[in-house]
Each structure stands twice: as structure tokens, then as C-alpha cells.
Amino acid sequence: MQFKATVVSLSEIDENEITISINNEILVCFLAYYPNTLELGQQYEVELSLFFIDDSNIDISRHTKMNDSFCRIGNIYGYQVFGILYDNKIRTNTIILEDDVFRNYSGFESEDVCLKVDRINLAIV
């Protein structure tokens, strides 16, 4: 899905690491594609996609609703995403993420879930 995101920071160590703000949610993403140079504080149209190292074995579980939508796992790109799974989407408090892999998890339809993603990819569109 596409969103308007503001660039908060760019890593000086890892050229693929970008920190963005979408709907007041701060996310550290893997910068998969960008056409030009990026400027701090500027807003861009972006597309987010979820990356799983093994998408045949996704870590998803029922979970009590959380106040936080995203919980970063250490200093890596991984996150625990908390939201409601429905119609191949996960709706967090701030963002809706869509992925065809959710078709395999219809047993969690309309449930509060915790989903572990290995990274969130970001492409500037």
C-alpha cells in the first residue's frame, strides 16, 4: 500500500537504512528503491512491503490488543506488528499493510494478532 512518509533520518553506516514517519508512527525500514537523492524532513509517496526470510513459516499468533502498533526487534530491521488481520491485510492503530501471504492465515481473520516480520521494505514511488 502507498503512504505519504516524512524522512526522519538516513543512516551514515548503512546506506539502506531509513527512518520515516507515517501517521506519527516512526519506522526504521530497508530502503529497497529510491529514484533520486532523499532530503531529511521531506515528504515522499512510499510503498511499504513486508519481508519474511521464510514466508512458508510466518510467526503469527493471537494477541491481546496493544497500544503500540510496531515494536522494533533490537537494532535490526525486524518488527513485531500488532493489529487486526482481515482480508489479506493487517490493520494497526496507524497503518494498514497488505500482503498475499496472509491468505494462508484465514484462521486468524478478524483477530487481534502479533506478526513477526524480518524487515519492512520501503520504496519511493
N, C-alpha and C. Protein backbone atom coordinates (compact mmCIF):
# COMPACT_ATOMS: atom_id res chain seq x y z
N MET A 1 0.84 -1.17 0.00
CA MET A 1 0.00 0.00 0.00
C MET A 1 0.89 1.24 0.00
N GLN A 2 0.34 2.33 -0.50
CA GLN A 2 1.11 3.56 -0.59
C GLN A 2 0.71 4.53 0.51
N PHE A 3 1.71 5.28 0.97
CA PHE A 3 1.52 6.24 2.05
C PHE A 3 2.37 7.47 1.77
N LYS A 4 2.06 8.55 2.45
CA LYS A 4 2.93 9.72 2.47
C LYS A 4 3.80 9.58 3.72
N ALA A 5 5.11 9.62 3.52
CA ALA A 5 6.05 9.45 4.63
C ALA A 5 7.05 10.59 4.64
N THR A 6 7.42 10.99 5.83
CA THR A 6 8.44 12.02 6.01
C THR A 6 9.75 11.34 6.40
N VAL A 7 10.84 11.74 5.75
CA VAL A 7 12.16 11.19 6.07
C VAL A 7 12.65 11.82 7.37
N VAL A 8 12.86 10.99 8.38
CA VAL A 8 13.33 11.45 9.68
C VAL A 8 14.85 11.40 9.74
N SER A 9 15.43 10.28 9.25
CA SER A 9 16.89 10.18 9.23
C SER A 9 17.34 9.13 8.22
N LEU A 10 18.58 9.29 7.79
CA LEU A 10 19.24 8.33 6.90
C LEU A 10 20.51 7.87 7.62
N SER A 11 20.73 6.58 7.65
CA SER A 11 21.90 6.05 8.35
C SER A 11 23.19 6.43 7.62
N GLU A 12 24.18 6.82 8.40
CA GLU A 12 25.50 7.10 7.83
C GLU A 12 26.31 5.81 7.71
N ILE A 13 25.87 4.75 8.40
CA ILE A 13 26.59 3.48 8.40
C ILE A 13 26.03 2.52 7.36
N ASP A 14 24.71 2.43 7.27
CA ASP A 14 24.02 1.50 6.37
C ASP A 14 23.22 2.31 5.35
N GLU A 15 23.67 2.31 4.10
CA GLU A 15 23.01 3.13 3.07
C GLU A 15 21.57 2.71 2.79
N ASN A 16 21.17 1.53 3.24
CA ASN A 16 19.81 1.05 3.02
C ASN A 16 18.89 1.32 4.20
N GLU A 17 19.39 1.91 5.26
CA GLU A 17 18.56 2.16 6.44
C GLU A 17 17.98 3.57 6.40
N ILE A 18 16.65 3.64 6.50
CA ILE A 18 15.95 4.92 6.51
C ILE A 18 14.94 4.91 7.64
N THR A 19 14.85 6.02 8.34
CA THR A 19 13.83 6.18 9.38
C THR A 19 12.80 7.15 8.85
N ILE A 20 11.53 6.73 8.92
CA ILE A 20 10.44 7.54 8.37
C ILE A 20 9.35 7.72 9.42
N SER A 21 8.48 8.67 9.14
CA SER A 21 7.29 8.89 9.95
C SER A 21 6.07 8.81 9.04
N ILE A 22 5.14 7.91 9.40
CA ILE A 22 3.86 7.80 8.70
C ILE A 22 2.77 7.88 9.76
N ASN A 23 1.89 8.85 9.65
CA ASN A 23 0.79 9.00 10.62
C ASN A 23 1.32 8.97 12.06
N ASN A 24 2.41 9.67 12.31
CA ASN A 24 3.05 9.75 13.63
C ASN A 24 3.66 8.44 14.11
N GLU A 25 3.78 7.47 13.23
CA GLU A 25 4.44 6.19 13.55
C GLU A 25 5.86 6.26 12.99
N ILE A 26 6.86 6.08 13.84
CA ILE A 26 8.26 6.11 13.41
C ILE A 26 8.69 4.68 13.10
N LEU A 27 9.21 4.46 11.89
CA LEU A 27 9.64 3.14 11.46
C LEU A 27 11.05 3.21 10.87
N VAL A 28 11.86 2.23 11.19
CA VAL A 28 13.16 2.06 10.55
C VAL A 28 12.96 0.99 9.48
N CYS A 29 13.19 1.36 8.23
CA CYS A 29 12.90 0.47 7.10
C CYS A 29 14.16 0.20 6.28
N PHE A 30 14.07 -0.84 5.48
CA PHE A 30 15.10 -1.16 4.50
C PHE A 30 14.73 -0.41 3.22
N LEU A 31 15.59 0.47 2.77
CA LEU A 31 15.33 1.28 1.58
C LEU A 31 15.60 0.45 0.34
N ALA A 32 14.54 -0.12 -0.22
CA ALA A 32 14.66 -1.04 -1.35
C ALA A 32 14.82 -0.30 -2.67
N TYR A 33 14.16 0.86 -2.81
CA TYR A 33 14.25 1.59 -4.07
C TYR A 33 13.99 3.07 -3.83
N TYR A 34 14.83 3.89 -4.45
CA TYR A 34 14.56 5.33 -4.49
C TYR A 34 15.19 5.88 -5.76
N PRO A 35 14.45 6.74 -6.47
CA PRO A 35 14.91 7.21 -7.78
C PRO A 35 15.97 8.31 -7.73
N ASN A 36 15.94 9.16 -6.73
CA ASN A 36 16.85 10.30 -6.65
C ASN A 36 17.45 10.38 -5.25
N THR A 37 18.08 11.50 -4.97
CA THR A 37 18.56 11.72 -3.61
C THR A 37 17.38 12.03 -2.70
N LEU A 38 17.55 11.74 -1.43
CA LEU A 38 16.50 11.99 -0.45
C LEU A 38 16.92 13.11 0.47
N GLU A 39 15.94 13.90 0.92
CA GLU A 39 16.23 15.01 1.82
C GLU A 39 15.50 14.81 3.14
N LEU A 40 16.22 15.07 4.23
CA LEU A 40 15.62 14.98 5.55
C LEU A 40 14.47 15.97 5.67
N GLY A 41 13.39 15.54 6.32
CA GLY A 41 12.24 16.41 6.54
C GLY A 41 11.28 16.49 5.37
N GLN A 42 11.68 15.95 4.23
CA GLN A 42 10.80 15.98 3.05
C GLN A 42 9.82 14.82 3.09
N GLN A 43 8.67 15.06 2.47
CA GLN A 43 7.63 14.02 2.41
C GLN A 43 7.64 13.40 1.02
N TYR A 44 7.51 12.07 1.00
CA TYR A 44 7.52 11.32 -0.25
C TYR A 44 6.38 10.32 -0.26
N GLU A 45 5.93 9.98 -1.45
CA GLU A 45 4.97 8.89 -1.62
C GLU A 45 5.78 7.59 -1.56
N VAL A 46 5.41 6.70 -0.64
CA VAL A 46 6.17 5.47 -0.45
C VAL A 46 5.25 4.26 -0.50
N GLU A 47 5.87 3.14 -0.76
CA GLU A 47 5.16 1.86 -0.70
C GLU A 47 5.91 0.98 0.29
N LEU A 48 5.17 0.41 1.23
CA LEU A 48 5.75 -0.49 2.22
C LEU A 48 5.42 -1.92 1.86
N SER A 49 6.38 -2.80 2.03
CA SER A 49 6.12 -4.23 1.85
C SER A 49 6.82 -4.98 2.97
N LEU A 50 6.22 -6.10 3.33
CA LEU A 50 6.77 -6.91 4.41
C LEU A 50 7.69 -7.96 3.83
N PHE A 51 8.80 -8.22 4.50
CA PHE A 51 9.75 -9.23 4.06
C PHE A 51 9.88 -10.28 5.15
N PHE A 52 9.74 -11.54 4.72
CA PHE A 52 9.89 -12.68 5.62
C PHE A 52 11.01 -13.56 5.07
N ILE A 53 11.96 -13.94 5.90
CA ILE A 53 13.04 -14.81 5.44
C ILE A 53 12.47 -16.12 4.93
N ASP A 54 11.48 -16.65 5.63
CA ASP A 54 10.82 -17.90 5.22
C ASP A 54 9.32 -17.67 5.24
N ASP A 55 8.76 -17.24 4.09
CA ASP A 55 7.33 -16.91 4.08
C ASP A 55 6.42 -18.14 4.13
N SER A 56 7.00 -19.33 4.18
CA SER A 56 6.17 -20.52 4.37
C SER A 56 6.01 -20.84 5.86
N ASN A 57 6.74 -20.11 6.70
CA ASN A 57 6.68 -20.36 8.14
C ASN A 57 6.68 -19.02 8.88
N ILE A 58 5.60 -18.28 8.74
CA ILE A 58 5.49 -16.95 9.34
C ILE A 58 5.10 -17.07 10.81
N ASP A 59 5.73 -16.26 11.64
CA ASP A 59 5.44 -16.24 13.07
C ASP A 59 4.26 -15.29 13.31
N ILE A 60 3.06 -15.86 13.45
CA ILE A 60 1.85 -15.08 13.70
C ILE A 60 1.09 -15.76 14.82
N SER A 61 0.55 -14.95 15.72
CA SER A 61 -0.18 -15.52 16.85
C SER A 61 -1.29 -14.57 17.29
N ARG A 62 -2.30 -15.14 17.94
CA ARG A 62 -3.34 -14.30 18.52
C ARG A 62 -2.71 -13.50 19.66
N HIS A 63 -3.17 -12.29 19.80
CA HIS A 63 -2.55 -11.44 20.81
C HIS A 63 -3.58 -10.43 21.30
N THR A 64 -3.42 -10.04 22.54
CA THR A 64 -4.28 -9.00 23.08
C THR A 64 -3.92 -7.69 22.42
N LYS A 65 -4.92 -6.86 22.21
CA LYS A 65 -4.69 -5.58 21.55
C LYS A 65 -3.63 -4.77 22.32
N MET A 66 -2.69 -4.20 21.57
CA MET A 66 -1.61 -3.42 22.16
C MET A 66 -1.80 -1.94 21.83
N ASN A 67 -1.25 -1.08 22.67
CA ASN A 67 -1.26 0.35 22.38
C ASN A 67 -0.30 0.68 21.25
N ASP A 68 0.84 -0.02 21.22
CA ASP A 68 1.82 0.20 20.16
C ASP A 68 1.50 -0.70 18.98
N SER A 69 1.64 -0.18 17.78
CA SER A 69 1.39 -0.97 16.57
C SER A 69 2.64 -1.71 16.13
N PHE A 70 3.81 -1.10 16.34
CA PHE A 70 5.07 -1.66 15.88
C PHE A 70 6.06 -1.68 17.03
N CYS A 71 6.72 -2.80 17.22
CA CYS A 71 7.75 -2.92 18.25
C CYS A 71 9.01 -3.45 17.55
N ARG A 72 10.02 -2.60 17.46
CA ARG A 72 11.25 -2.98 16.77
C ARG A 72 12.00 -4.03 17.57
N ILE A 73 12.54 -5.00 16.87
CA ILE A 73 13.28 -6.08 17.49
C ILE A 73 14.76 -5.72 17.49
N GLY A 74 15.27 -5.26 18.60
CA GLY A 74 16.68 -4.90 18.71
C GLY A 74 17.07 -3.78 17.77
N ASN A 75 18.27 -3.87 17.20
CA ASN A 75 18.77 -2.86 16.27
C ASN A 75 18.77 -3.35 14.84
N ILE A 76 17.88 -4.28 14.55
CA ILE A 76 17.77 -4.82 13.19
C ILE A 76 16.51 -4.25 12.54
N TYR A 77 16.22 -4.68 11.33
CA TYR A 77 15.04 -4.20 10.61
C TYR A 77 13.75 -4.90 11.05
N GLY A 78 13.86 -5.94 11.87
CA GLY A 78 12.71 -6.73 12.26
C GLY A 78 11.75 -6.00 13.20
N TYR A 79 10.48 -6.37 13.11
CA TYR A 79 9.44 -5.79 13.94
C TYR A 79 8.44 -6.84 14.37
N GLN A 80 7.82 -6.60 15.51
CA GLN A 80 6.58 -7.26 15.86
C GLN A 80 5.51 -6.25 15.49
N VAL A 81 4.54 -6.69 14.69
CA VAL A 81 3.46 -5.82 14.25
C VAL A 81 2.18 -6.30 14.93
N PHE A 82 1.51 -5.38 15.61
CA PHE A 82 0.28 -5.71 16.32
C PHE A 82 -0.90 -5.07 15.60
N GLY A 83 -1.92 -5.87 15.32
CA GLY A 83 -3.09 -5.33 14.64
C GLY A 83 -4.16 -6.38 14.45
N ILE A 84 -5.13 -6.05 13.61
CA ILE A 84 -6.23 -6.96 13.30
C ILE A 84 -6.03 -7.46 11.88
N LEU A 85 -6.08 -8.77 11.71
CA LEU A 85 -5.92 -9.38 10.39
C LEU A 85 -7.28 -9.49 9.73
N TYR A 86 -7.38 -8.98 8.51
CA TYR A 86 -8.63 -9.10 7.76
C TYR A 86 -8.35 -8.93 6.28
N ASP A 87 -9.01 -9.72 5.46
CA ASP A 87 -8.99 -9.55 4.00
C ASP A 87 -7.57 -9.36 3.45
N ASN A 88 -6.63 -10.21 3.84
CA ASN A 88 -5.22 -10.15 3.40
C ASN A 88 -4.51 -8.87 3.82
N LYS A 89 -4.99 -8.25 4.89
CA LYS A 89 -4.38 -7.02 5.40
C LYS A 89 -4.23 -7.15 6.91
N ILE A 90 -3.30 -6.39 7.44
CA ILE A 90 -3.22 -6.24 8.89
C ILE A 90 -3.38 -4.76 9.18
N ARG A 91 -4.38 -4.45 10.00
CA ARG A 91 -4.66 -3.05 10.33
C ARG A 91 -4.12 -2.77 11.72
N THR A 92 -3.13 -1.90 11.77
CA THR A 92 -2.57 -1.48 13.05
C THR A 92 -3.33 -0.23 13.49
N ASN A 93 -2.90 0.37 14.59
CA ASN A 93 -3.53 1.62 15.04
C ASN A 93 -3.31 2.76 14.05
N THR A 94 -2.26 2.66 13.22
CA THR A 94 -1.88 3.79 12.38
C THR A 94 -1.78 3.48 10.89
N ILE A 95 -1.53 2.23 10.54
CA ILE A 95 -1.21 1.87 9.16
C ILE A 95 -1.91 0.56 8.79
N ILE A 96 -2.28 0.43 7.52
CA ILE A 96 -2.80 -0.84 7.01
C ILE A 96 -1.76 -1.42 6.07
N LEU A 97 -1.35 -2.66 6.33
CA LEU A 97 -0.36 -3.35 5.50
C LEU A 97 -1.04 -4.52 4.80
N GLU A 98 -0.71 -4.70 3.53
CA GLU A 98 -1.34 -5.76 2.73
C GLU A 98 -0.26 -6.71 2.21
N ASP A 99 -0.57 -8.00 2.22
CA ASP A 99 0.36 -8.99 1.69
C ASP A 99 -0.41 -10.25 1.34
N ASP A 100 -0.14 -10.81 0.16
CA ASP A 100 -0.82 -12.03 -0.28
C ASP A 100 -0.56 -13.21 0.64
N VAL A 101 0.54 -13.20 1.36
CA VAL A 101 0.87 -14.32 2.24
C VAL A 101 -0.18 -14.49 3.34
N PHE A 102 -0.92 -13.43 3.65
CA PHE A 102 -1.95 -13.52 4.69
C PHE A 102 -3.09 -14.45 4.30
N ARG A 103 -3.22 -14.77 3.01
CA ARG A 103 -4.27 -15.71 2.57
C ARG A 103 -4.12 -17.06 3.28
N ASN A 104 -2.91 -17.41 3.63
CA ASN A 104 -2.64 -18.68 4.30
C ASN A 104 -3.03 -18.68 5.77
N TYR A 105 -3.47 -17.54 6.28
CA TYR A 105 -3.76 -17.42 7.71
C TYR A 105 -5.20 -16.99 7.97
N SER A 106 -6.12 -17.54 7.19
CA SER A 106 -7.54 -17.18 7.33
C SER A 106 -8.09 -17.56 8.70
N GLY A 107 -7.45 -18.48 9.39
CA GLY A 107 -7.87 -18.84 10.74
C GLY A 107 -7.75 -17.70 11.74
N PHE A 108 -6.99 -16.67 11.37
CA PHE A 108 -6.81 -15.51 12.23
C PHE A 108 -7.69 -14.33 11.78
N GLU A 109 -8.54 -14.55 10.79
CA GLU A 109 -9.39 -13.48 10.25
C GLU A 109 -10.16 -12.77 11.37
N SER A 110 -10.10 -11.45 11.36
CA SER A 110 -10.79 -10.58 12.32
C SER A 110 -10.28 -10.73 13.75
N GLU A 111 -9.09 -11.26 13.91
CA GLU A 111 -8.48 -11.46 15.23
C GLU A 111 -7.39 -10.41 15.48
N ASP A 112 -7.19 -10.08 16.75
CA ASP A 112 -6.02 -9.30 17.14
C ASP A 112 -4.82 -10.24 17.07
N VAL A 113 -3.79 -9.83 16.34
CA VAL A 113 -2.64 -10.70 16.14
C VAL A 113 -1.33 -9.95 16.39
N CYS A 114 -0.30 -10.74 16.59
CA CYS A 114 1.08 -10.26 16.61
C CYS A 114 1.79 -10.98 15.47
N LEU A 115 2.38 -10.22 14.58
CA LEU A 115 3.06 -10.76 13.41
C LEU A 115 4.53 -10.36 13.47
N LYS A 116 5.42 -11.33 13.35
CA LYS A 116 6.85 -11.02 13.35
C LYS A 116 7.32 -10.93 11.90
N VAL A 117 7.85 -9.75 11.53
CA VAL A 117 8.39 -9.56 10.18
C VAL A 117 9.90 -9.37 10.29
N ASP A 118 10.61 -9.90 9.30
CA ASP A 118 12.07 -9.79 9.32
C ASP A 118 12.54 -8.40 8.92
N ARG A 119 11.76 -7.73 8.09
CA ARG A 119 12.04 -6.33 7.80
C ARG A 119 10.85 -5.73 7.06
N ILE A 120 10.80 -4.40 7.10
CA ILE A 120 9.81 -3.65 6.34
C ILE A 120 10.58 -2.95 5.23
N ASN A 121 10.27 -3.32 3.99
CA ASN A 121 10.91 -2.70 2.83
C ASN A 121 10.16 -1.43 2.47
N LEU A 122 10.91 -0.43 2.02
CA LEU A 122 10.32 0.83 1.61
C LEU A 122 10.81 1.17 0.21
N ALA A 123 9.88 1.54 -0.65
CA ALA A 123 10.22 2.01 -2.00
C ALA A 123 9.60 3.39 -2.18
N ILE A 124 10.39 4.32 -2.68
CA ILE A 124 9.88 5.64 -3.03
C ILE A 124 9.24 5.51 -4.40
N VAL A 125 7.98 5.93 -4.52
CA VAL A 125 7.27 5.78 -5.80
C VAL A 125 7.13 7.10 -6.52
